[in-house]
Amino acid sequence: MMLITLETIPGKAFEILDMVKGSTIQSKHLGKDILSGLKTLVGGELTHYVEMVDEARALATKRMVLQAEKLGADAILGIRYATTSVMQGAAEVMVYGTAVKIK
């Protein structure tokens, strides 16, 4: 499965199948959330949140790819990610794109 941020595949003809998406809401362990909160007092990277968002992005992408595979897609074009804070310590990650069949 090709995952492409472009709206087209240069030199390739394709059939548009449908929009596909994947999403998840992730949170971190309360203890890690408290430690990250303390980290904001001194500054620096909040590694627990970086890990959380990376895990969420991977899971959302996997769900989108599964949806595209069910449609018989060869690629997903125009991929975009969106992240929203749902509550303190929890974030939703959504990914979406256009599933296509290469001719």
PDB file of N, CA and C in Angstrom:
ATOM      1  N   MET A   1       0.851  -1.181   0.000  1.00  0.00           N
ATOM      2  CA  MET A   1       0.000   0.000   0.000  1.00  0.00           C
ATOM      3  C   MET A   1       0.891   1.237   0.000  1.00  0.00           C
ATOM      4  N   MET A   2       0.713   2.082  -0.998  1.00  0.00           N
ATOM      5  CA  MET A   2       1.451   3.342  -1.049  1.00  0.00           C
ATOM      6  C   MET A   2       0.665   4.399  -0.279  1.00  0.00           C
ATOM      7  N   LEU A   3       1.360   5.109   0.586  1.00  0.00           N
ATOM      8  CA  LEU A   3       0.765   6.211   1.341  1.00  0.00           C
ATOM      9  C   LEU A   3       1.424   7.491   0.845  1.00  0.00           C
ATOM     10  N   ILE A   4       0.626   8.366   0.229  1.00  0.00           N
ATOM     11  CA  ILE A   4       1.174   9.525  -0.481  1.00  0.00           C
ATOM     12  C   ILE A   4       0.470  10.801  -0.032  1.00  0.00           C
ATOM     13  N   THR A   5       1.267  11.833   0.257  1.00  0.00           N
ATOM     14  CA  THR A   5       0.674  13.113   0.645  1.00  0.00           C
ATOM     15  C   THR A   5       0.266  13.943  -0.564  1.00  0.00           C
ATOM     16  N   LEU A   6       0.761  13.597  -1.748  1.00  0.00           N
ATOM     17  CA  LEU A   6       0.382  14.303  -2.978  1.00  0.00           C
ATOM     18  C   LEU A   6      -1.057  13.959  -3.358  1.00  0.00           C
ATOM     19  N   GLU A   7      -1.641  14.789  -4.194  1.00  0.00           N
ATOM     20  CA  GLU A   7      -3.010  14.556  -4.663  1.00  0.00           C
ATOM     21  C   GLU A   7      -3.050  13.649  -5.887  1.00  0.00           C
ATOM     22  N   THR A   8      -1.896  13.298  -6.403  1.00  0.00           N
ATOM     23  CA  THR A   8      -1.804  12.471  -7.602  1.00  0.00           C
ATOM     24  C   THR A   8      -0.552  11.605  -7.523  1.00  0.00           C
ATOM     25  N   ILE A   9      -0.453  10.646  -8.425  1.00  0.00           N
ATOM     26  CA  ILE A   9       0.758   9.833  -8.550  1.00  0.00           C
ATOM     27  C   ILE A   9       1.352  10.188  -9.914  1.00  0.00           C
ATOM     28  N   PRO A  10       2.458  10.908  -9.931  1.00  0.00           N
ATOM     29  CA  PRO A  10       3.023  11.337 -11.213  1.00  0.00           C
ATOM     30  C   PRO A  10       3.218  10.169 -12.183  1.00  0.00           C
ATOM     31  N   GLY A  11       2.691  10.334 -13.397  1.00  0.00           N
ATOM     32  CA  GLY A  11       2.848   9.329 -14.440  1.00  0.00           C
ATOM     33  C   GLY A  11       1.929   8.131 -14.326  1.00  0.00           C
ATOM     34  N   LYS A  12       1.010   8.134 -13.381  1.00  0.00           N
ATOM     35  CA  LYS A  12       0.107   6.988 -13.184  1.00  0.00           C
ATOM     36  C   LYS A  12      -1.351   7.434 -13.308  1.00  0.00           C
ATOM     37  N   ALA A  13      -2.138   6.571 -13.951  1.00  0.00           N
ATOM     38  CA  ALA A  13      -3.588   6.786 -13.989  1.00  0.00           C
ATOM     39  C   ALA A  13      -4.187   5.957 -12.860  1.00  0.00           C
ATOM     40  N   PHE A  14      -5.253   6.467 -12.280  1.00  0.00           N
ATOM     41  CA  PHE A  14      -5.876   5.751 -11.170  1.00  0.00           C
ATOM     42  C   PHE A  14      -7.375   6.022 -11.124  1.00  0.00           C
ATOM     43  N   GLU A  15      -8.060   5.126 -10.462  1.00  0.00           N
ATOM     44  CA  GLU A  15      -9.504   5.245 -10.230  1.00  0.00           C
ATOM     45  C   GLU A  15      -9.706   5.586  -8.759  1.00  0.00           C
ATOM     46  N   ILE A  16     -10.478   6.616  -8.490  1.00  0.00           N
ATOM     47  CA  ILE A  16     -10.782   6.994  -7.108  1.00  0.00           C
ATOM     48  C   ILE A  16     -11.829   6.030  -6.564  1.00  0.00           C
ATOM     49  N   LEU A  17     -11.553   5.458  -5.407  1.00  0.00           N
ATOM     50  CA  LEU A  17     -12.490   4.517  -4.792  1.00  0.00           C
ATOM     51  C   LEU A  17     -13.369   5.205  -3.744  1.00  0.00           C
ATOM     52  N   ASP A  18     -12.743   5.827  -2.762  1.00  0.00           N
ATOM     53  CA  ASP A  18     -13.514   6.474  -1.688  1.00  0.00           C
ATOM     54  C   ASP A  18     -12.555   7.163  -0.732  1.00  0.00           C
ATOM     55  N   MET A  19     -13.101   8.019   0.110  1.00  0.00           N
ATOM     56  CA  MET A  19     -12.316   8.594   1.196  1.00  0.00           C
ATOM     57  C   MET A  19     -12.175   7.528   2.281  1.00  0.00           C
ATOM     58  N   VAL A  20     -10.991   7.445   2.872  1.00  0.00           N
ATOM     59  CA  VAL A  20     -10.766   6.516   3.975  1.00  0.00           C
ATOM     60  C   VAL A  20     -10.196   7.303   5.144  1.00  0.00           C
ATOM     61  N   LYS A  21     -10.440   6.801   6.347  1.00  0.00           N
ATOM     62  CA  LYS A  21      -9.940   7.489   7.535  1.00  0.00           C
ATOM     63  C   LYS A  21      -9.652   6.480   8.636  1.00  0.00           C
ATOM     64  N   GLY A  22      -8.891   6.936   9.576  1.00  0.00           N
ATOM     65  CA  GLY A  22      -8.621   6.162  10.777  1.00  0.00           C
ATOM     66  C   GLY A  22      -8.459   7.131  11.921  1.00  0.00           C
ATOM     67  N   SER A  23      -8.860   6.728  13.106  1.00  0.00           N
ATOM     68  CA  SER A  23      -8.705   7.616  14.251  1.00  0.00           C
ATOM     69  C   SER A  23      -8.559   6.809  15.529  1.00  0.00           C
ATOM     70  N   THR A  24      -8.072   7.468  16.546  1.00  0.00           N
ATOM     71  CA  THR A  24      -7.962   6.893  17.876  1.00  0.00           C
ATOM     72  C   THR A  24      -7.867   8.028  18.877  1.00  0.00           C
ATOM     73  N   ILE A  25      -8.202   7.723  20.106  1.00  0.00           N
ATOM     74  CA  ILE A  25      -8.006   8.655  21.217  1.00  0.00           C
ATOM     75  C   ILE A  25      -7.095   7.954  22.208  1.00  0.00           C
ATOM     76  N   GLN A  26      -6.001   8.601  22.543  1.00  0.00           N
ATOM     77  CA  GLN A  26      -5.003   8.018  23.426  1.00  0.00           C
ATOM     78  C   GLN A  26      -4.816   8.899  24.654  1.00  0.00           C
ATOM     79  N   SER A  27      -4.456   8.264  25.748  1.00  0.00           N
ATOM     80  CA  SER A  27      -4.087   9.005  26.952  1.00  0.00           C
ATOM     81  C   SER A  27      -2.884   8.323  27.582  1.00  0.00           C
ATOM     82  N   LYS A  28      -2.235   9.010  28.463  1.00  0.00           N
ATOM     83  CA  LYS A  28      -1.089   8.460  29.171  1.00  0.00           C
ATOM     84  C   LYS A  28      -1.482   8.134  30.603  1.00  0.00           C
ATOM     85  N   HIS A  29      -0.721   7.269  31.197  1.00  0.00           N
ATOM     86  CA  HIS A  29      -0.881   6.883  32.599  1.00  0.00           C
ATOM     87  C   HIS A  29      -0.858   8.135  33.478  1.00  0.00           C
ATOM     88  N   LEU A  30      -1.701   8.188  34.491  1.00  0.00           N
ATOM     89  CA  LEU A  30      -1.816   9.368  35.357  1.00  0.00           C
ATOM     90  C   LEU A  30      -0.465   9.787  35.921  1.00  0.00           C
ATOM     91  N   GLY A  31       0.345   8.832  36.349  1.00  0.00           N
ATOM     92  CA  GLY A  31       1.668   9.159  36.898  1.00  0.00           C
ATOM     93  C   GLY A  31       2.546   9.862  35.888  1.00  0.00           C
ATOM     94  N   LYS A  32       2.516   9.373  34.641  1.00  0.00           N
ATOM     95  CA  LYS A  32       3.308  10.001  33.590  1.00  0.00           C
ATOM     96  C   LYS A  32       2.749  11.380  33.254  1.00  0.00           C
ATOM     97  N   ASP A  33       1.435  11.535  33.355  1.00  0.00           N
ATOM     98  CA  ASP A  33       0.810  12.822  33.097  1.00  0.00           C
ATOM     99  C   ASP A  33       1.271  13.846  34.136  1.00  0.00           C
ATOM    100  N   ILE A  34       1.332  13.427  35.396  1.00  0.00           N
ATOM    101  CA  ILE A  34       1.789  14.322  36.466  1.00  0.00           C
ATOM    102  C   ILE A  34       3.255  14.696  36.251  1.00  0.00           C
ATOM    103  N   LEU A  35       4.098  13.710  35.907  1.00  0.00           N
ATOM    104  CA  LEU A  35       5.513  13.991  35.653  1.00  0.00           C
ATOM    105  C   LEU A  35       5.689  14.960  34.484  1.00  0.00           C
ATOM    106  N   SER A  36       4.883  14.791  33.443  1.00  0.00           N
ATOM    107  CA  SER A  36       4.968  15.696  32.300  1.00  0.00           C
ATOM    108  C   SER A  36       4.520  17.093  32.695  1.00  0.00           C
ATOM    109  N   GLY A  37       3.515  17.173  33.567  1.00  0.00           N
ATOM    110  CA  GLY A  37       3.066  18.472  34.062  1.00  0.00           C
ATOM    111  C   GLY A  37       4.168  19.184  34.824  1.00  0.00           C
ATOM    112  N   LEU A  38       4.917  18.461  35.625  1.00  0.00           N
ATOM    113  CA  LEU A  38       6.043  19.046  36.353  1.00  0.00           C
ATOM    114  C   LEU A  38       7.147  19.484  35.393  1.00  0.00           C
ATOM    115  N   LYS A  39       7.325  18.741  34.310  1.00  0.00           N
ATOM    116  CA  LYS A  39       8.347  19.062  33.317  1.00  0.00           C
ATOM    117  C   LYS A  39       8.074  20.420  32.671  1.00  0.00           C
ATOM    118  N   THR A  40       6.806  20.812  32.579  1.00  0.00           N
ATOM    119  CA  THR A  40       6.486  22.102  31.961  1.00  0.00           C
ATOM    120  C   THR A  40       7.020  23.263  32.791  1.00  0.00           C
ATOM    121  N   LEU A  41       7.285  23.034  34.061  1.00  0.00           N
ATOM    122  CA  LEU A  41       7.827  24.094  34.920  1.00  0.00           C
ATOM    123  C   LEU A  41       9.271  24.439  34.561  1.00  0.00           C
ATOM    124  N   VAL A  42      10.024  23.442  34.101  1.00  0.00           N
ATOM    125  CA  VAL A  42      11.439  23.673  33.796  1.00  0.00           C
ATOM    126  C   VAL A  42      11.722  23.703  32.293  1.00  0.00           C
ATOM    127  N   GLY A  43      10.764  23.281  31.505  1.00  0.00           N
ATOM    128  CA  GLY A  43      10.931  23.292  30.055  1.00  0.00           C
ATOM    129  C   GLY A  43      11.532  22.000  29.528  1.00  0.00           C
ATOM    130  N   GLY A  44      11.504  21.854  28.236  1.00  0.00           N
ATOM    131  CA  GLY A  44      12.057  20.670  27.581  1.00  0.00           C
ATOM    132  C   GLY A  44      10.984  19.847  26.899  1.00  0.00           C
ATOM    133  N   GLU A  45      11.434  18.834  26.208  1.00  0.00           N
ATOM    134  CA  GLU A  45      10.523  17.966  25.465  1.00  0.00           C
ATOM    135  C   GLU A  45       9.735  17.070  26.411  1.00  0.00           C
ATOM    136  N   LEU A  46       8.451  16.941  26.150  1.00  0.00           N
ATOM    137  CA  LEU A  46       7.575  16.075  26.940  1.00  0.00           C
ATOM    138  C   LEU A  46       7.533  14.710  26.261  1.00  0.00           C
ATOM    139  N   THR A  47       8.545  13.893  26.544  1.00  0.00           N
ATOM    140  CA  THR A  47       8.728  12.639  25.822  1.00  0.00           C
ATOM    141  C   THR A  47       7.550  11.684  25.966  1.00  0.00           C
ATOM    142  N   HIS A  48       6.866  11.707  27.102  1.00  0.00           N
ATOM    143  CA  HIS A  48       5.708  10.818  27.276  1.00  0.00           C
ATOM    144  C   HIS A  48       4.592  11.179  26.292  1.00  0.00           C
ATOM    145  N   TYR A  49       4.413  12.477  26.055  1.00  0.00           N
ATOM    146  CA  TYR A  49       3.386  12.902  25.105  1.00  0.00           C
ATOM    147  C   TYR A  49       3.824  12.642  23.668  1.00  0.00           C
ATOM    148  N   VAL A  50       5.106  12.793  23.394  1.00  0.00           N
ATOM    149  CA  VAL A  50       5.616  12.473  22.053  1.00  0.00           C
ATOM    150  C   VAL A  50       5.347  11.004  21.749  1.00  0.00           C
ATOM    151  N   GLU A  51       5.637  10.133  22.697  1.00  0.00           N
ATOM    152  CA  GLU A  51       5.380   8.697  22.528  1.00  0.00           C
ATOM    153  C   GLU A  51       3.893   8.435  22.335  1.00  0.00           C
ATOM    154  N   MET A  52       3.051   9.110  23.118  1.00  0.00           N
ATOM    155  CA  MET A  52       1.614   8.913  23.023  1.00  0.00           C
ATOM    156  C   MET A  52       1.102   9.274  21.631  1.00  0.00           C
ATOM    157  N   VAL A  53       1.537  10.425  21.115  1.00  0.00           N
ATOM    158  CA  VAL A  53       1.063  10.869  19.805  1.00  0.00           C
ATOM    159  C   VAL A  53       1.622   9.972  18.702  1.00  0.00           C
ATOM    160  N   ASP A  54       2.876   9.528  18.829  1.00  0.00           N
ATOM    161  CA  ASP A  54       3.443   8.602  17.840  1.00  0.00           C
ATOM    162  C   ASP A  54       2.650   7.295  17.792  1.00  0.00           C
ATOM    163  N   GLU A  55       2.315   6.751  18.966  1.00  0.00           N
ATOM    164  CA  GLU A  55       1.527   5.515  19.029  1.00  0.00           C
ATOM    165  C   GLU A  55       0.145   5.727  18.424  1.00  0.00           C
ATOM    166  N   ALA A  56      -0.468   6.852  18.742  1.00  0.00           N
ATOM    167  CA  ALA A  56      -1.803   7.148  18.219  1.00  0.00           C
ATOM    168  C   ALA A  56      -1.767   7.315  16.703  1.00  0.00           C
ATOM    169  N   ARG A  57      -0.755   8.001  16.191  1.00  0.00           N
ATOM    170  CA  ARG A  57      -0.634   8.201  14.744  1.00  0.00           C
ATOM    171  C   ARG A  57      -0.466   6.857  14.029  1.00  0.00           C
ATOM    172  N   ALA A  58       0.347   5.969  14.588  1.00  0.00           N
ATOM    173  CA  ALA A  58       0.561   4.651  13.979  1.00  0.00           C
ATOM    174  C   ALA A  58      -0.730   3.833  13.967  1.00  0.00           C
ATOM    175  N   LEU A  59      -1.474   3.857  15.057  1.00  0.00           N
ATOM    176  CA  LEU A  59      -2.729   3.107  15.136  1.00  0.00           C
ATOM    177  C   LEU A  59      -3.769   3.672  14.172  1.00  0.00           C
ATOM    178  N   ALA A  60      -3.894   4.993  14.120  1.00  0.00           N
ATOM    179  CA  ALA A  60      -4.857   5.619  13.207  1.00  0.00           C
ATOM    180  C   ALA A  60      -4.505   5.299  11.756  1.00  0.00           C
ATOM    181  N   THR A  61      -3.218   5.344  11.420  1.00  0.00           N
ATOM    182  CA  THR A  61      -2.782   5.021  10.052  1.00  0.00           C
ATOM    183  C   THR A  61      -3.099   3.578   9.714  1.00  0.00           C
ATOM    184  N   LYS A  62      -2.847   2.680  10.647  1.00  0.00           N
ATOM    185  CA  LYS A  62      -3.149   1.259  10.427  1.00  0.00           C
ATOM    186  C   LYS A  62      -4.638   1.065  10.143  1.00  0.00           C
ATOM    187  N   ARG A  63      -5.487   1.748  10.895  1.00  0.00           N
ATOM    188  CA  ARG A  63      -6.941   1.631  10.689  1.00  0.00           C
ATOM    189  C   ARG A  63      -7.349   2.174   9.327  1.00  0.00           C
ATOM    190  N   MET A  64      -6.729   3.271   8.891  1.00  0.00           N
ATOM    191  CA  MET A  64      -7.036   3.836   7.579  1.00  0.00           C
ATOM    192  C   MET A  64      -6.615   2.864   6.479  1.00  0.00           C
ATOM    193  N   VAL A  65      -5.426   2.284   6.600  1.00  0.00           N
ATOM    194  CA  VAL A  65      -4.929   1.334   5.599  1.00  0.00           C
ATOM    195  C   VAL A  65      -5.833   0.112   5.514  1.00  0.00           C
ATOM    196  N   LEU A  66      -6.282  -0.405   6.649  1.00  0.00           N
ATOM    197  CA  LEU A  66      -7.204  -1.550   6.646  1.00  0.00           C
ATOM    198  C   LEU A  66      -8.488  -1.226   5.894  1.00  0.00           C
ATOM    199  N   GLN A  67      -9.001  -0.020   6.095  1.00  0.00           N
ATOM    200  CA  GLN A  67     -10.216   0.401   5.389  1.00  0.00           C
ATOM    201  C   GLN A  67      -9.962   0.459   3.882  1.00  0.00           C
ATOM    202  N   ALA A  68      -8.803   0.970   3.484  1.00  0.00           N
ATOM    203  CA  ALA A  68      -8.462   1.059   2.059  1.00  0.00           C
ATOM    204  C   ALA A  68      -8.273  -0.327   1.452  1.00  0.00           C
ATOM    205  N   GLU A  69      -7.656  -1.223   2.202  1.00  0.00           N
ATOM    206  CA  GLU A  69      -7.457  -2.590   1.700  1.00  0.00           C
ATOM    207  C   GLU A  69      -8.783  -3.289   1.458  1.00  0.00           C
ATOM    208  N   LYS A  70      -9.765  -3.048   2.312  1.00  0.00           N
ATOM    209  CA  LYS A  70     -11.093  -3.637   2.115  1.00  0.00           C
ATOM    210  C   LYS A  70     -11.729  -3.160   0.818  1.00  0.00           C
ATOM    211  N   LEU A  71     -11.360  -1.960   0.372  1.00  0.00           N
ATOM    212  CA  LEU A  71     -11.888  -1.420  -0.883  1.00  0.00           C
ATOM    213  C   LEU A  71     -11.098  -1.910  -2.104  1.00  0.00           C
ATOM    214  N   GLY A  72      -9.982  -2.601  -1.853  1.00  0.00           N
ATOM    215  CA  GLY A  72      -9.135  -3.062  -2.948  1.00  0.00           C
ATOM    216  C   GLY A  72      -8.178  -1.997  -3.449  1.00  0.00           C
ATOM    217  N   ALA A  73      -7.864  -1.014  -2.631  1.00  0.00           N
ATOM    218  CA  ALA A  73      -6.997   0.094  -3.030  1.00  0.00           C
ATOM    219  C   ALA A  73      -5.538  -0.339  -3.133  1.00  0.00           C
ATOM    220  N   ASP A  74      -4.818   0.348  -4.032  1.00  0.00           N
ATOM    221  CA  ASP A  74      -3.376   0.173  -4.166  1.00  0.00           C
ATOM    222  C   ASP A  74      -2.616   1.285  -3.443  1.00  0.00           C
ATOM    223  N   ALA A  75      -3.291   2.415  -3.246  1.00  0.00           N
ATOM    224  CA  ALA A  75      -2.633   3.576  -2.651  1.00  0.00           C
ATOM    225  C   ALA A  75      -3.662   4.464  -1.970  1.00  0.00           C
ATOM    226  N   ILE A  76      -3.167   5.321  -1.097  1.00  0.00           N
ATOM    227  CA  ILE A  76      -3.996   6.361  -0.477  1.00  0.00           C
ATOM    228  C   ILE A  76      -3.315   7.684  -0.767  1.00  0.00           C
ATOM    229  N   LEU A  77      -4.031   8.577  -1.421  1.00  0.00           N
ATOM    230  CA  LEU A  77      -3.502   9.879  -1.829  1.00  0.00           C
ATOM    231  C   LEU A  77      -3.992  10.985  -0.901  1.00  0.00           C
ATOM    232  N   GLY A  78      -3.255  12.090  -0.891  1.00  0.00           N
ATOM    233  CA  GLY A  78      -3.675  13.281  -0.164  1.00  0.00           C
ATOM    234  C   GLY A  78      -3.785  13.069   1.335  1.00  0.00           C
ATOM    235  N   ILE A  79      -2.917  12.271   1.896  1.00  0.00           N
ATOM    236  CA  ILE A  79      -3.013  11.943   3.323  1.00  0.00           C
ATOM    237  C   ILE A  79      -2.773  13.181   4.178  1.00  0.00           C
ATOM    238  N   ARG A  80      -3.642  13.361   5.157  1.00  0.00           N
ATOM    239  CA  ARG A  80      -3.547  14.474   6.113  1.00  0.00           C
ATOM    240  C   ARG A  80      -3.798  13.942   7.507  1.00  0.00           C
ATOM    241  N   TYR A  81      -3.106  14.517   8.479  1.00  0.00           N
ATOM    242  CA  TYR A  81      -3.297  14.177   9.886  1.00  0.00           C
ATOM    243  C   TYR A  81      -3.872  15.375  10.620  1.00  0.00           C
ATOM    244  N   ALA A  82      -4.715  15.093  11.596  1.00  0.00           N
ATOM    245  CA  ALA A  82      -5.255  16.131  12.474  1.00  0.00           C
ATOM    246  C   ALA A  82      -5.183  15.609  13.903  1.00  0.00           C
ATOM    247  N   THR A  83      -4.783  16.464  14.814  1.00  0.00           N
ATOM    248  CA  THR A  83      -4.690  16.094  16.225  1.00  0.00           C
ATOM    249  C   THR A  83      -5.497  17.098  17.031  1.00  0.00           C
ATOM    250  N   THR A  84      -6.301  16.580  17.944  1.00  0.00           N
ATOM    251  CA  THR A  84      -7.137  17.418  18.786  1.00  0.00           C
ATOM    252  C   THR A  84      -7.009  16.972  20.230  1.00  0.00           C
ATOM    253  N   SER A  85      -6.891  17.933  21.119  1.00  0.00           N
ATOM    254  CA  SER A  85      -6.885  17.614  22.540  1.00  0.00           C
ATOM    255  C   SER A  85      -8.317  17.361  22.975  1.00  0.00           C
ATOM    256  N   VAL A  86      -8.568  16.198  23.542  1.00  0.00           N
ATOM    257  CA  VAL A  86      -9.916  15.832  23.990  1.00  0.00           C
ATOM    258  C   VAL A  86     -10.114  16.283  25.433  1.00  0.00           C
ATOM    259  N   MET A  87      -9.082  16.084  26.226  1.00  0.00           N
ATOM    260  CA  MET A  87      -9.051  16.528  27.616  1.00  0.00           C
ATOM    261  C   MET A  87      -7.587  16.546  28.024  1.00  0.00           C
ATOM    262  N   GLN A  88      -7.281  17.062  29.189  1.00  0.00           N
ATOM    263  CA  GLN A  88      -5.882  17.105  29.602  1.00  0.00           C
ATOM    264  C   GLN A  88      -5.308  15.689  29.634  1.00  0.00           C
ATOM    265  N   GLY A  89      -4.221  15.492  28.903  1.00  0.00           N
ATOM    266  CA  GLY A  89      -3.568  14.192  28.887  1.00  0.00           C
ATOM    267  C   GLY A  89      -4.123  13.211  27.871  1.00  0.00           C
ATOM    268  N   ALA A  90      -5.113  13.627  27.074  1.00  0.00           N
ATOM    269  CA  ALA A  90      -5.689  12.734  26.066  1.00  0.00           C
ATOM    270  C   ALA A  90      -5.821  13.496  24.748  1.00  0.00           C
ATOM    271  N   ALA A  91      -5.488  12.801  23.655  1.00  0.00           N
ATOM    272  CA  ALA A  91      -5.541  13.428  22.338  1.00  0.00           C
ATOM    273  C   ALA A  91      -6.166  12.482  21.328  1.00  0.00           C
ATOM    274  N   GLU A  92      -6.912  13.070  20.401  1.00  0.00           N
ATOM    275  CA  GLU A  92      -7.435  12.305  19.273  1.00  0.00           C
ATOM    276  C   GLU A  92      -6.523  12.559  18.087  1.00  0.00           C
ATOM    277  N   VAL A  93      -6.185  11.506  17.390  1.00  0.00           N
ATOM    278  CA  VAL A  93      -5.437  11.625  16.141  1.00  0.00           C
ATOM    279  C   VAL A  93      -6.309  11.041  15.049  1.00  0.00           C
ATOM    280  N   MET A  94      -6.501  11.817  13.982  1.00  0.00           N
ATOM    281  CA  MET A  94      -7.267  11.354  12.837  1.00  0.00           C
ATOM    282  C   MET A  94      -6.395  11.495  11.599  1.00  0.00           C
ATOM    283  N   VAL A  95      -6.464  10.506  10.731  1.00  0.00           N
ATOM    284  CA  VAL A  95      -5.767  10.558   9.447  1.00  0.00           C
ATOM    285  C   VAL A  95      -6.799  10.218   8.370  1.00  0.00           C
ATOM    286  N   TYR A  96      -6.690  10.900   7.234  1.00  0.00           N
ATOM    287  CA  TYR A  96      -7.642  10.646   6.153  1.00  0.00           C
ATOM    288  C   TYR A  96      -6.963  10.874   4.810  1.00  0.00           C
ATOM    289  N   GLY A  97      -7.533  10.263   3.799  1.00  0.00           N
ATOM    290  CA  GLY A  97      -7.022  10.397   2.442  1.00  0.00           C
ATOM    291  C   GLY A  97      -7.987   9.761   1.455  1.00  0.00           C
ATOM    292  N   THR A  98      -7.567   9.697   0.213  1.00  0.00           N
ATOM    293  CA  THR A  98      -8.385   9.146  -0.859  1.00  0.00           C
ATOM    294  C   THR A  98      -7.820   7.809  -1.308  1.00  0.00           C
ATOM    295  N   ALA A  99      -8.600   6.749  -1.161  1.00  0.00           N
ATOM    296  CA  ALA A  99      -8.187   5.426  -1.609  1.00  0.00           C
ATOM    297  C   ALA A  99      -8.331   5.344  -3.121  1.00  0.00           C
ATOM    298  N   VAL A 100      -7.288   4.831  -3.791  1.00  0.00           N
ATOM    299  CA  VAL A 100      -7.309   4.732  -5.251  1.00  0.00           C
ATOM    300  C   VAL A 100      -6.819   3.364  -5.711  1.00  0.00           C
ATOM    301  N   LYS A 101      -7.275   2.996  -6.892  1.00  0.00           N
ATOM    302  CA  LYS A 101      -6.830   1.771  -7.569  1.00  0.00           C
ATOM    303  C   LYS A 101      -6.019   2.243  -8.784  1.00  0.00           C
ATOM    304  N   ILE A 102      -4.756   1.816  -8.871  1.00  0.00           N
ATOM    305  CA  ILE A 102      -3.894   2.217  -9.978  1.00  0.00           C
ATOM    306  C   ILE A 102      -4.259   1.389 -11.201  1.00  0.00           C
ATOM    307  N   LYS A 103      -4.407   2.054 -12.346  1.00  0.00           N
ATOM    308  CA  LYS A 103      -4.781   1.379 -13.602  1.00  0.00           C
ATOM    309  C   LYS A 103      -3.555   0.857 -14.313  1.00  0.00           C
TER     310      LYS A 103
END
